[in-house]
Amino acid sequence: MKLFLTGASGLLGRSIYERFLNEPDWTVCGISFKRTSPGLTKLNLLDKDAVTNLLNTVCPDVIVHCAAERFPDKVESDPQAAYDLNVGVSAHLADVANHLNVPLLYISTDYVFNGDESPYKETDEPSPINEYGRLKLLGEKAVLAANLNNIILRIPVLYGPVESLEESAITYLLIGLKKCQNNNELFKVSNYELRNPSSVDDIAHIVFNLVEKKILSSNDISGIYQWCGKEMYTKYDMVAKMAKIFDMSMEQVVPVNGQSGVKRPFNTLLDVSRINQLGIGTHTNFEDGIKTVLASWNVK
């Protein structure tokens, strides 16, 4: 079986790539552009002809589309570039997938909801409150408009093995925590929005099993699915967990009980029963997961 995986050099993409690569029945064509490491194929997803030609050459059994502009602040600063990647590329991939008669799994986000009435079911009406959520929702619609048998997987903020601490909004918090340890600098961190952080390895496990079930049972696996971690934290709570794990002080950490910058939803807890009904849900305890992820970094 052949997987065509976009965003294979990204935080989630790397974990999905390794998950499929370790399966004897699968080969992976991993796509990247800016960070193309050995084993991956460099491709500009905005080049529609190049994308079509490569897909026709590879002839995959399934496409998993991870590539996206996923930082809300970057989306707001360049909405056209974000639209081209998050919507235009998604629509084109879904169109080519249709011509090849293969399913596409699109990675979406909890930010398609406004955060006021959680937990959210797959059938609840999305109402994004920022441009990132709006564009990811448009990507969802394009993928399902091409073929209702495609798969959408909505997920929350992620953490996992990072190439830099800035790569995840969660591991990024360690930078501020480290800076305030040995000086008088305060670290102001949000204590407002509630999040359910999820391990990329857990998501990769779910993606693999969704794909396997899709291949085996075809149209029984389609439409929208959702997953998120079981623990609910503010960013301040996450920093406190990190400080506890690595015996660091919280004296200079200041909780901020309001929003600044791009507006973000308050509570995006997702109903995950559809995944659990398939028996493929998996959850890594946050304290265990973040300890493993950050252990290789110079914490203090």
C-alpha atoms as a PDB file:
ATOM      1  CA  MET A   1       0.000   0.000   0.000  1.00  0.00           C
ATOM      2  CA  LYS A   2       1.199   3.524  -0.796  1.00  0.00           C
ATOM      3  CA  LEU A   3       0.650   6.643   1.300  1.00  0.00           C
ATOM      4  CA  PHE A   4       1.049  10.145  -0.149  1.00  0.00           C
ATOM      5  CA  LEU A   5       1.698  12.368   2.879  1.00  0.00           C
ATOM      6  CA  THR A   6       1.897  16.159   2.719  1.00  0.00           C
ATOM      7  CA  GLY A   7       3.624  18.122   5.465  1.00  0.00           C
ATOM      8  CA  ALA A   8       5.840  15.123   6.178  1.00  0.00           C
ATOM      9  CA  SER A   9       8.580  17.275   7.721  1.00  0.00           C
ATOM     10  CA  GLY A  10       6.197  19.011  10.147  1.00  0.00           C
ATOM     11  CA  LEU A  11       5.461  18.279  13.792  1.00  0.00           C
ATOM     12  CA  LEU A  12       2.549  15.928  13.092  1.00  0.00           C
ATOM     13  CA  GLY A  13       3.724  14.820   9.656  1.00  0.00           C
ATOM     14  CA  ARG A  14       6.979  13.369  11.005  1.00  0.00           C
ATOM     15  CA  SER A  15       5.085  11.177  13.461  1.00  0.00           C
ATOM     16  CA  ILE A  16       2.617   9.969  10.823  1.00  0.00           C
ATOM     17  CA  TYR A  17       5.493   9.300   8.408  1.00  0.00           C
ATOM     18  CA  GLU A  18       7.296   7.117  10.963  1.00  0.00           C
ATOM     19  CA  ARG A  19       4.101   5.314  11.949  1.00  0.00           C
ATOM     20  CA  PHE A  20       3.385   4.173   8.394  1.00  0.00           C
ATOM     21  CA  LEU A  21       7.052   3.588   7.568  1.00  0.00           C
ATOM     22  CA  ASN A  22       7.268   1.023  10.372  1.00  0.00           C
ATOM     23  CA  GLU A  23       4.497  -1.035   8.793  1.00  0.00           C
ATOM     24  CA  PRO A  24       5.741  -3.748   6.393  1.00  0.00           C
ATOM     25  CA  ASP A  25       2.678  -3.428   4.158  1.00  0.00           C
ATOM     26  CA  TRP A  26       3.135   0.304   3.554  1.00  0.00           C
ATOM     27  CA  THR A  27       5.446   2.565   1.573  1.00  0.00           C
ATOM     28  CA  VAL A  28       5.344   6.322   2.063  1.00  0.00           C
ATOM     29  CA  CYS A  29       5.881   9.192  -0.332  1.00  0.00           C
ATOM     30  CA  GLY A  30       6.495  11.976   2.169  1.00  0.00           C
ATOM     31  CA  ILE A  31       6.164  15.513   0.790  1.00  0.00           C
ATOM     32  CA  SER A  32       7.947  18.556   2.163  1.00  0.00           C
ATOM     33  CA  PHE A  33       9.195  21.862   0.827  1.00  0.00           C
ATOM     34  CA  LYS A  34      11.212  24.012   3.211  1.00  0.00           C
ATOM     35  CA  ARG A  35      12.645  21.233   5.386  1.00  0.00           C
ATOM     36  CA  THR A  36      13.281  18.339   3.021  1.00  0.00           C
ATOM     37  CA  SER A  37      15.320  15.709   4.846  1.00  0.00           C
ATOM     38  CA  PRO A  38      16.603  12.441   3.344  1.00  0.00           C
ATOM     39  CA  GLY A  39      13.761  10.124   2.367  1.00  0.00           C
ATOM     40  CA  LEU A  40      11.314  12.935   1.664  1.00  0.00           C
ATOM     41  CA  THR A  41      10.293  14.386  -1.705  1.00  0.00           C
ATOM     42  CA  LYS A  42      10.578  18.136  -2.222  1.00  0.00           C
ATOM     43  CA  LEU A  43       7.438  19.559  -3.789  1.00  0.00           C
ATOM     44  CA  ASN A  44       5.804  22.957  -3.854  1.00  0.00           C
ATOM     45  CA  LEU A  45       2.152  22.158  -3.159  1.00  0.00           C
ATOM     46  CA  LEU A  46       1.161  25.493  -4.719  1.00  0.00           C
ATOM     47  CA  ASP A  47       2.407  24.205  -8.092  1.00  0.00           C
ATOM     48  CA  LYS A  48      -0.745  22.411  -9.201  1.00  0.00           C
ATOM     49  CA  ASP A  49       0.793  20.805 -12.298  1.00  0.00           C
ATOM     50  CA  ALA A  50       3.732  19.426 -10.321  1.00  0.00           C
ATOM     51  CA  VAL A  51       1.366  18.053  -7.668  1.00  0.00           C
ATOM     52  CA  THR A  52      -0.867  16.416 -10.257  1.00  0.00           C
ATOM     53  CA  ASN A  53       2.089  14.897 -12.118  1.00  0.00           C
ATOM     54  CA  LEU A  54       3.652  13.451  -8.967  1.00  0.00           C
ATOM     55  CA  LEU A  55       0.366  11.980  -7.770  1.00  0.00           C
ATOM     56  CA  ASN A  56      -0.203  10.383 -11.170  1.00  0.00           C
ATOM     57  CA  THR A  57       3.301   8.925 -10.991  1.00  0.00           C
ATOM     58  CA  VAL A  58       3.075   7.639  -7.409  1.00  0.00           C
ATOM     59  CA  CYS A  59      -0.506   6.344  -7.738  1.00  0.00           C
ATOM     60  CA  PRO A  60      -1.087   6.215  -3.975  1.00  0.00           C
ATOM     61  CA  ASP A  61      -3.760   4.190  -2.239  1.00  0.00           C
ATOM     62  CA  VAL A  62      -4.538   7.102   0.091  1.00  0.00           C
ATOM     63  CA  ILE A  63      -3.567  10.753   0.615  1.00  0.00           C
ATOM     64  CA  VAL A  64      -3.081  12.234   4.091  1.00  0.00           C
ATOM     65  CA  HIS A  65      -2.959  16.019   3.975  1.00  0.00           C
ATOM     66  CA  CYS A  66      -1.133  17.554   6.964  1.00  0.00           C
ATOM     67  CA  ALA A  67       0.480  20.571   5.301  1.00  0.00           C
ATOM     68  CA  ALA A  68      -1.013  23.878   6.436  1.00  0.00           C
ATOM     69  CA  GLU A  69      -0.266  27.272   7.857  1.00  0.00           C
ATOM     70  CA  ARG A  70      -1.278  26.415  11.417  1.00  0.00           C
ATOM     71  CA  PHE A  71      -0.203  29.477  13.408  1.00  0.00           C
ATOM     72  CA  PRO A  72      -3.133  31.911  13.757  1.00  0.00           C
ATOM     73  CA  ASP A  73      -0.879  34.966  13.986  1.00  0.00           C
ATOM     74  CA  LYS A  74       0.866  34.090  10.723  1.00  0.00           C
ATOM     75  CA  VAL A  75      -2.499  33.521   9.044  1.00  0.00           C
ATOM     76  CA  GLU A  76      -3.677  36.976  10.113  1.00  0.00           C
ATOM     77  CA  SER A  77      -0.480  38.622   8.867  1.00  0.00           C
ATOM     78  CA  ASP A  78      -0.689  37.025   5.393  1.00  0.00           C
ATOM     79  CA  PRO A  79      -4.238  35.739   4.822  1.00  0.00           C
ATOM     80  CA  GLN A  80      -3.818  35.266   1.060  1.00  0.00           C
ATOM     81  CA  ALA A  81      -0.815  32.962   1.438  1.00  0.00           C
ATOM     82  CA  ALA A  82      -2.703  31.065   4.141  1.00  0.00           C
ATOM     83  CA  TYR A  83      -5.759  30.779   1.899  1.00  0.00           C
ATOM     84  CA  ASP A  84      -3.668  29.411  -0.972  1.00  0.00           C
ATOM     85  CA  LEU A  85      -2.194  26.680   1.245  1.00  0.00           C
ATOM     86  CA  ASN A  86      -5.048  25.868   3.612  1.00  0.00           C
ATOM     87  CA  VAL A  87      -7.862  26.053   1.060  1.00  0.00           C
ATOM     88  CA  GLY A  88      -6.480  26.085  -2.481  1.00  0.00           C
ATOM     89  CA  VAL A  89      -4.053  23.193  -2.011  1.00  0.00           C
ATOM     90  CA  SER A  90      -6.655  21.153  -0.120  1.00  0.00           C
ATOM     91  CA  ALA A  91      -9.217  21.607  -2.888  1.00  0.00           C
ATOM     92  CA  HIS A  92      -6.710  20.628  -5.580  1.00  0.00           C
ATOM     93  CA  LEU A  93      -5.544  17.521  -3.713  1.00  0.00           C
ATOM     94  CA  ALA A  94      -9.155  16.440  -3.227  1.00  0.00           C
ATOM     95  CA  ASP A  95      -9.827  16.944  -6.938  1.00  0.00           C
ATOM     96  CA  VAL A  96      -6.813  14.849  -7.982  1.00  0.00           C
ATOM     97  CA  ALA A  97      -7.687  12.203  -5.405  1.00  0.00           C
ATOM     98  CA  ASN A  98     -11.111  11.964  -7.026  1.00  0.00           C
ATOM     99  CA  HIS A  99      -9.590  11.425 -10.451  1.00  0.00           C
ATOM    100  CA  LEU A 100      -7.334   8.725  -9.025  1.00  0.00           C
ATOM    101  CA  ASN A 101     -10.280   7.212  -7.122  1.00  0.00           C
ATOM    102  CA  VAL A 102      -8.406   7.267  -3.798  1.00  0.00           C
ATOM    103  CA  PRO A 103      -9.537   8.654  -0.421  1.00  0.00           C
ATOM    104  CA  LEU A 104      -8.102  11.772   1.175  1.00  0.00           C
ATOM    105  CA  LEU A 105      -7.753  12.369   4.909  1.00  0.00           C
ATOM    106  CA  TYR A 106      -7.591  16.060   5.779  1.00  0.00           C
ATOM    107  CA  ILE A 107      -6.195  17.266   9.097  1.00  0.00           C
ATOM    108  CA  SER A 108      -8.395  20.025  10.489  1.00  0.00           C
ATOM    109  CA  THR A 109      -8.657  21.876  13.785  1.00  0.00           C
ATOM    110  CA  ASP A 110     -10.799  22.534  16.859  1.00  0.00           C
ATOM    111  CA  TYR A 111     -10.622  26.218  15.869  1.00  0.00           C
ATOM    112  CA  VAL A 112     -13.531  25.710  13.474  1.00  0.00           C
ATOM    113  CA  PHE A 113     -15.667  26.254  16.604  1.00  0.00           C
ATOM    114  CA  ASN A 114     -16.149  29.512  18.520  1.00  0.00           C
ATOM    115  CA  GLY A 115     -15.431  27.933  21.911  1.00  0.00           C
ATOM    116  CA  ASP A 116     -18.635  29.030  23.633  1.00  0.00           C
ATOM    117  CA  GLU A 117     -20.644  25.774  23.749  1.00  0.00           C
ATOM    118  CA  SER A 118     -18.304  22.817  24.153  1.00  0.00           C
ATOM    119  CA  PRO A 119     -18.083  19.868  23.995  1.00  0.00           C
ATOM    120  CA  TYR A 120     -18.550  19.936  20.251  1.00  0.00           C
ATOM    121  CA  LYS A 121     -19.895  17.039  18.230  1.00  0.00           C
ATOM    122  CA  GLU A 122     -18.982  16.438  14.592  1.00  0.00           C
ATOM    123  CA  THR A 123     -22.527  17.435  13.657  1.00  0.00           C
ATOM    124  CA  ASP A 124     -22.423  20.799  15.453  1.00  0.00           C
ATOM    125  CA  GLU A 125     -22.389  23.850  13.213  1.00  0.00           C
ATOM    126  CA  PRO A 126     -18.888  25.369  12.997  1.00  0.00           C
ATOM    127  CA  SER A 127     -18.517  29.076  13.680  1.00  0.00           C
ATOM    128  CA  PRO A 128     -14.852  30.083  13.649  1.00  0.00           C
ATOM    129  CA  ILE A 129     -13.874  33.390  15.250  1.00  0.00           C
ATOM    130  CA  ASN A 130     -10.500  33.898  13.551  1.00  0.00           C
ATOM    131  CA  GLU A 131      -9.092  33.601  10.053  1.00  0.00           C
ATOM    132  CA  TYR A 132      -7.188  30.400  10.772  1.00  0.00           C
ATOM    133  CA  GLY A 133     -10.362  28.596  11.822  1.00  0.00           C
ATOM    134  CA  ARG A 134     -12.278  30.048   8.892  1.00  0.00           C
ATOM    135  CA  LEU A 135      -9.723  28.873   6.337  1.00  0.00           C
ATOM    136  CA  LYS A 136      -9.444  25.395   7.824  1.00  0.00           C
ATOM    137  CA  LEU A 137     -13.230  25.145   7.681  1.00  0.00           C
ATOM    138  CA  LEU A 138     -13.172  26.160   4.019  1.00  0.00           C
ATOM    139  CA  GLY A 139     -10.595  23.411   3.503  1.00  0.00           C
ATOM    140  CA  GLU A 140     -12.954  20.911   5.126  1.00  0.00           C
ATOM    141  CA  LYS A 141     -15.786  21.993   2.868  1.00  0.00           C
ATOM    142  CA  ALA A 142     -13.627  21.715  -0.255  1.00  0.00           C
ATOM    143  CA  VAL A 143     -12.507  18.194   0.682  1.00  0.00           C
ATOM    144  CA  LEU A 144     -16.045  16.963   1.352  1.00  0.00           C
ATOM    145  CA  ALA A 145     -17.460  18.786  -1.678  1.00  0.00           C
ATOM    146  CA  ALA A 146     -15.052  16.822  -3.846  1.00  0.00           C
ATOM    147  CA  ASN A 147     -16.152  13.529  -2.290  1.00  0.00           C
ATOM    148  CA  LEU A 148     -18.296  12.861   0.772  1.00  0.00           C
ATOM    149  CA  ASN A 149     -16.344   9.645   1.312  1.00  0.00           C
ATOM    150  CA  ASN A 150     -13.205  11.601   2.206  1.00  0.00           C
ATOM    151  CA  ILE A 151     -12.195  11.925   5.867  1.00  0.00           C
ATOM    152  CA  ILE A 152     -11.828  15.001   8.063  1.00  0.00           C
ATOM    153  CA  LEU A 153      -9.932  14.661  11.357  1.00  0.00           C
ATOM    154  CA  ARG A 154     -10.254  17.636  13.705  1.00  0.00           C
ATOM    155  CA  ILE A 155      -7.541  17.888  16.354  1.00  0.00           C
ATOM    156  CA  PRO A 156      -6.454  20.442  18.996  1.00  0.00           C
ATOM    157  CA  VAL A 157      -3.101  21.977  19.919  1.00  0.00           C
ATOM    158  CA  LEU A 158      -0.334  19.401  19.545  1.00  0.00           C
ATOM    159  CA  TYR A 159       2.958  18.581  21.194  1.00  0.00           C
ATOM    160  CA  GLY A 160       5.622  16.029  20.355  1.00  0.00           C
ATOM    161  CA  PRO A 161       9.309  15.664  19.502  1.00  0.00           C
ATOM    162  CA  VAL A 162      10.257  19.101  18.147  1.00  0.00           C
ATOM    163  CA  GLU A 163      13.150  20.320  16.026  1.00  0.00           C
ATOM    164  CA  SER A 164      12.896  23.668  17.817  1.00  0.00           C
ATOM    165  CA  LEU A 165      10.873  24.685  20.860  1.00  0.00           C
ATOM    166  CA  GLU A 166       9.019  27.205  18.672  1.00  0.00           C
ATOM    167  CA  GLU A 167       7.566  24.389  16.573  1.00  0.00           C
ATOM    168  CA  SER A 168       4.740  23.695  19.027  1.00  0.00           C
ATOM    169  CA  ALA A 169       2.695  26.295  20.897  1.00  0.00           C
ATOM    170  CA  ILE A 170       3.111  24.059  23.954  1.00  0.00           C
ATOM    171  CA  THR A 171       6.873  23.450  23.891  1.00  0.00           C
ATOM    172  CA  TYR A 172       7.299  27.154  23.082  1.00  0.00           C
ATOM    173  CA  LEU A 173       6.152  27.864  26.637  1.00  0.00           C
ATOM    174  CA  LEU A 174       9.382  26.350  27.949  1.00  0.00           C
ATOM    175  CA  ILE A 175      11.349  29.237  26.424  1.00  0.00           C
ATOM    176  CA  GLY A 176       9.565  31.775  28.618  1.00  0.00           C
ATOM    177  CA  LEU A 177       9.794  29.535  31.668  1.00  0.00           C
ATOM    178  CA  LYS A 178      13.561  29.138  31.226  1.00  0.00           C
ATOM    179  CA  LYS A 179      14.130  32.871  30.726  1.00  0.00           C
ATOM    180  CA  CYS A 180      12.468  33.838  33.980  1.00  0.00           C
ATOM    181  CA  GLN A 181      14.341  31.362  36.172  1.00  0.00           C
ATOM    182  CA  ASN A 182      17.573  33.227  36.773  1.00  0.00           C
ATOM    183  CA  ASN A 183      16.633  36.885  36.306  1.00  0.00           C
ATOM    184  CA  ASN A 184      13.942  39.351  37.237  1.00  0.00           C
ATOM    185  CA  GLU A 185      12.086  39.023  33.950  1.00  0.00           C
ATOM    186  CA  LEU A 186       8.408  38.185  34.332  1.00  0.00           C
ATOM    187  CA  PHE A 187       6.813  35.552  32.120  1.00  0.00           C
ATOM    188  CA  LYS A 188       3.228  36.552  31.359  1.00  0.00           C
ATOM    189  CA  VAL A 189       1.180  33.624  30.089  1.00  0.00           C
ATOM    190  CA  SER A 190      -2.491  33.171  29.303  1.00  0.00           C
ATOM    191  CA  ASN A 191      -4.664  31.685  32.020  1.00  0.00           C
ATOM    192  CA  TYR A 192      -7.838  32.114  29.972  1.00  0.00           C
ATOM    193  CA  GLU A 193      -8.345  29.749  27.027  1.00  0.00           C
ATOM    194  CA  LEU A 194      -8.917  26.086  27.900  1.00  0.00           C
ATOM    195  CA  ARG A 195      -7.183  23.503  25.732  1.00  0.00           C
ATOM    196  CA  ASN A 196      -6.871  19.706  25.502  1.00  0.00           C
ATOM    197  CA  PRO A 197      -3.282  19.137  24.336  1.00  0.00           C
ATOM    198  CA  SER A 198      -2.660  15.994  22.313  1.00  0.00           C
ATOM    199  CA  SER A 199       0.439  13.972  21.526  1.00  0.00           C
ATOM    200  CA  VAL A 200       1.363  13.715  17.847  1.00  0.00           C
ATOM    201  CA  ASP A 201       2.093  10.026  18.386  1.00  0.00           C
ATOM    202  CA  ASP A 202      -1.492   9.513  19.564  1.00  0.00           C
ATOM    203  CA  ILE A 203      -2.812  11.335  16.489  1.00  0.00           C
ATOM    204  CA  ALA A 204      -0.508   9.308  14.209  1.00  0.00           C
ATOM    205  CA  HIS A 205      -1.907   6.107  15.721  1.00  0.00           C
ATOM    206  CA  ILE A 206      -5.447   7.290  15.032  1.00  0.00           C
ATOM    207  CA  VAL A 207      -4.635   8.406  11.479  1.00  0.00           C
ATOM    208  CA  PHE A 208      -3.047   5.046  10.701  1.00  0.00           C
ATOM    209  CA  ASN A 209      -6.043   3.122  12.004  1.00  0.00           C
ATOM    210  CA  LEU A 210      -8.548   5.358  10.218  1.00  0.00           C
ATOM    211  CA  VAL A 211      -6.669   4.783   6.970  1.00  0.00           C
ATOM    212  CA  GLU A 212      -6.411   1.026   7.500  1.00  0.00           C
ATOM    213  CA  LYS A 213     -10.127   0.777   8.272  1.00  0.00           C
ATOM    214  CA  LYS A 214     -10.926   2.984   5.290  1.00  0.00           C
ATOM    215  CA  ILE A 215      -8.972   0.726   2.967  1.00  0.00           C
ATOM    216  CA  LEU A 216     -10.631  -2.383   4.382  1.00  0.00           C
ATOM    217  CA  SER A 217     -14.223  -1.172   4.741  1.00  0.00           C
ATOM    218  CA  SER A 218     -14.236   1.671   2.203  1.00  0.00           C
ATOM    219  CA  ASN A 219     -17.215   3.966   2.615  1.00  0.00           C
ATOM    220  CA  ASP A 220     -17.992   2.889   6.190  1.00  0.00           C
ATOM    221  CA  ILE A 221     -15.191   5.237   7.253  1.00  0.00           C
ATOM    222  CA  SER A 222     -15.912   8.723   5.958  1.00  0.00           C
ATOM    223  CA  GLY A 223     -16.884  12.227   6.967  1.00  0.00           C
ATOM    224  CA  ILE A 224     -15.821  14.059  10.117  1.00  0.00           C
ATOM    225  CA  TYR A 225     -13.969  12.591  13.100  1.00  0.00           C
ATOM    226  CA  GLN A 226     -12.514  14.372  16.127  1.00  0.00           C
ATOM    227  CA  TRP A 227      -9.854  13.725  18.730  1.00  0.00           C
ATOM    228  CA  CYS A 228      -8.318  15.589  21.651  1.00  0.00           C
ATOM    229  CA  GLY A 229      -6.438  14.834  24.856  1.00  0.00           C
ATOM    230  CA  LYS A 230      -8.358  14.082  28.038  1.00  0.00           C
ATOM    231  CA  GLU A 231      -6.784  16.764  30.252  1.00  0.00           C
ATOM    232  CA  MET A 232      -7.965  20.364  30.015  1.00  0.00           C
ATOM    233  CA  TYR A 233      -5.468  23.133  30.747  1.00  0.00           C
ATOM    234  CA  THR A 234      -4.799  26.805  30.229  1.00  0.00           C
ATOM    235  CA  LYS A 235      -1.330  27.708  29.007  1.00  0.00           C
ATOM    236  CA  TYR A 236      -0.548  28.772  32.572  1.00  0.00           C
ATOM    237  CA  ASP A 237      -1.557  25.300  33.779  1.00  0.00           C
ATOM    238  CA  MET A 238       0.785  23.729  31.200  1.00  0.00           C
ATOM    239  CA  VAL A 239       3.668  25.897  32.357  1.00  0.00           C
ATOM    240  CA  ALA A 240       2.957  24.862  35.958  1.00  0.00           C
ATOM    241  CA  LYS A 241       3.098  21.199  34.903  1.00  0.00           C
ATOM    242  CA  MET A 242       6.447  21.748  33.196  1.00  0.00           C
ATOM    243  CA  ALA A 243       7.805  23.586  36.238  1.00  0.00           C
ATOM    244  CA  LYS A 244       6.721  20.747  38.504  1.00  0.00           C
ATOM    245  CA  ILE A 245       8.204  18.049  36.281  1.00  0.00           C
ATOM    246  CA  PHE A 246      11.584  19.757  35.987  1.00  0.00           C
ATOM    247  CA  ASP A 247      11.691  21.319  39.468  1.00  0.00           C
ATOM    248  CA  MET A 248      11.591  24.901  38.216  1.00  0.00           C
ATOM    249  CA  SER A 249      10.235  27.992  39.972  1.00  0.00           C
ATOM    250  CA  MET A 250       6.904  29.596  39.128  1.00  0.00           C
ATOM    251  CA  GLU A 251       7.642  32.779  41.112  1.00  0.00           C
ATOM    252  CA  GLN A 252       8.215  34.909  38.006  1.00  0.00           C
ATOM    253  CA  VAL A 253       5.342  33.383  36.008  1.00  0.00           C
ATOM    254  CA  VAL A 254       2.330  35.694  35.856  1.00  0.00           C
ATOM    255  CA  PRO A 255      -1.124  34.385  34.841  1.00  0.00           C
ATOM    256  CA  VAL A 256      -3.000  36.632  32.412  1.00  0.00           C
ATOM    257  CA  ASN A 257      -6.765  36.284  32.628  1.00  0.00           C
ATOM    258  CA  GLY A 258      -7.646  37.803  29.289  1.00  0.00           C
ATOM    259  CA  GLN A 259      -6.849  37.722  25.599  1.00  0.00           C
ATOM    260  CA  SER A 260      -4.283  39.581  23.539  1.00  0.00           C
ATOM    261  CA  GLY A 261      -3.415  39.353  19.866  1.00  0.00           C
ATOM    262  CA  VAL A 262      -5.498  37.197  17.534  1.00  0.00           C
ATOM    263  CA  LYS A 263      -8.839  36.233  19.094  1.00  0.00           C
ATOM    264  CA  ARG A 264      -8.961  32.593  20.059  1.00  0.00           C
ATOM    265  CA  PRO A 265     -11.892  30.402  21.161  1.00  0.00           C
ATOM    266  CA  PHE A 266     -12.340  29.903  24.908  1.00  0.00           C
ATOM    267  CA  ASN A 267     -13.036  26.164  25.208  1.00  0.00           C
ATOM    268  CA  THR A 268     -12.792  23.896  22.174  1.00  0.00           C
ATOM    269  CA  LEU A 269     -13.312  20.527  23.881  1.00  0.00           C
ATOM    270  CA  LEU A 270     -14.215  17.990  21.190  1.00  0.00           C
ATOM    271  CA  ASP A 271     -16.590  15.055  21.458  1.00  0.00           C
ATOM    272  CA  VAL A 272     -14.438  12.047  20.532  1.00  0.00           C
ATOM    273  CA  SER A 273     -17.072   9.299  20.762  1.00  0.00           C
ATOM    274  CA  ARG A 274     -16.971   8.521  17.036  1.00  0.00           C
ATOM    275  CA  ILE A 275     -13.271   7.596  17.266  1.00  0.00           C
ATOM    276  CA  ASN A 276     -13.845   5.663  20.479  1.00  0.00           C
ATOM    277  CA  GLN A 277     -16.656   3.685  18.854  1.00  0.00           C
ATOM    278  CA  LEU A 278     -14.083   2.441  16.341  1.00  0.00           C
ATOM    279  CA  GLY A 279     -11.847   1.332  19.201  1.00  0.00           C
ATOM    280  CA  ILE A 280      -8.851   3.332  17.972  1.00  0.00           C
ATOM    281  CA  GLY A 281      -8.722   6.191  20.477  1.00  0.00           C
ATOM    282  CA  THR A 282      -5.491   6.501  22.463  1.00  0.00           C
ATOM    283  CA  HIS A 283      -4.278   9.060  24.980  1.00  0.00           C
ATOM    284  CA  THR A 284      -0.878   9.830  26.431  1.00  0.00           C
ATOM    285  CA  ASN A 285      -1.028  11.454  29.855  1.00  0.00           C
ATOM    286  CA  PHE A 286       0.168  15.042  29.387  1.00  0.00           C
ATOM    287  CA  GLU A 287       2.705  15.014  32.214  1.00  0.00           C
ATOM    288  CA  ASP A 288       4.289  11.818  30.891  1.00  0.00           C
ATOM    289  CA  GLY A 289       4.188  12.991  27.299  1.00  0.00           C
ATOM    290  CA  ILE A 290       5.625  16.464  27.802  1.00  0.00           C
ATOM    291  CA  LYS A 291       8.329  15.109  30.110  1.00  0.00           C
ATOM    292  CA  THR A 292       9.472  12.726  27.388  1.00  0.00           C
ATOM    293  CA  VAL A 293       9.349  15.423  24.712  1.00  0.00           C
ATOM    294  CA  LEU A 294      11.316  18.011  26.698  1.00  0.00           C
ATOM    295  CA  ALA A 295      13.807  15.637  28.330  1.00  0.00           C
ATOM    296  CA  SER A 296      16.250  16.002  25.411  1.00  0.00           C
ATOM    297  CA  TRP A 297      16.303  19.815  25.758  1.00  0.00           C
ATOM    298  CA  ASN A 298      18.465  21.752  28.153  1.00  0.00           C
ATOM    299  CA  VAL A 299      15.566  22.506  30.472  1.00  0.00           C
ATOM    300  CA  LYS A 300      17.418  24.660  33.001  1.00  0.00           C
END
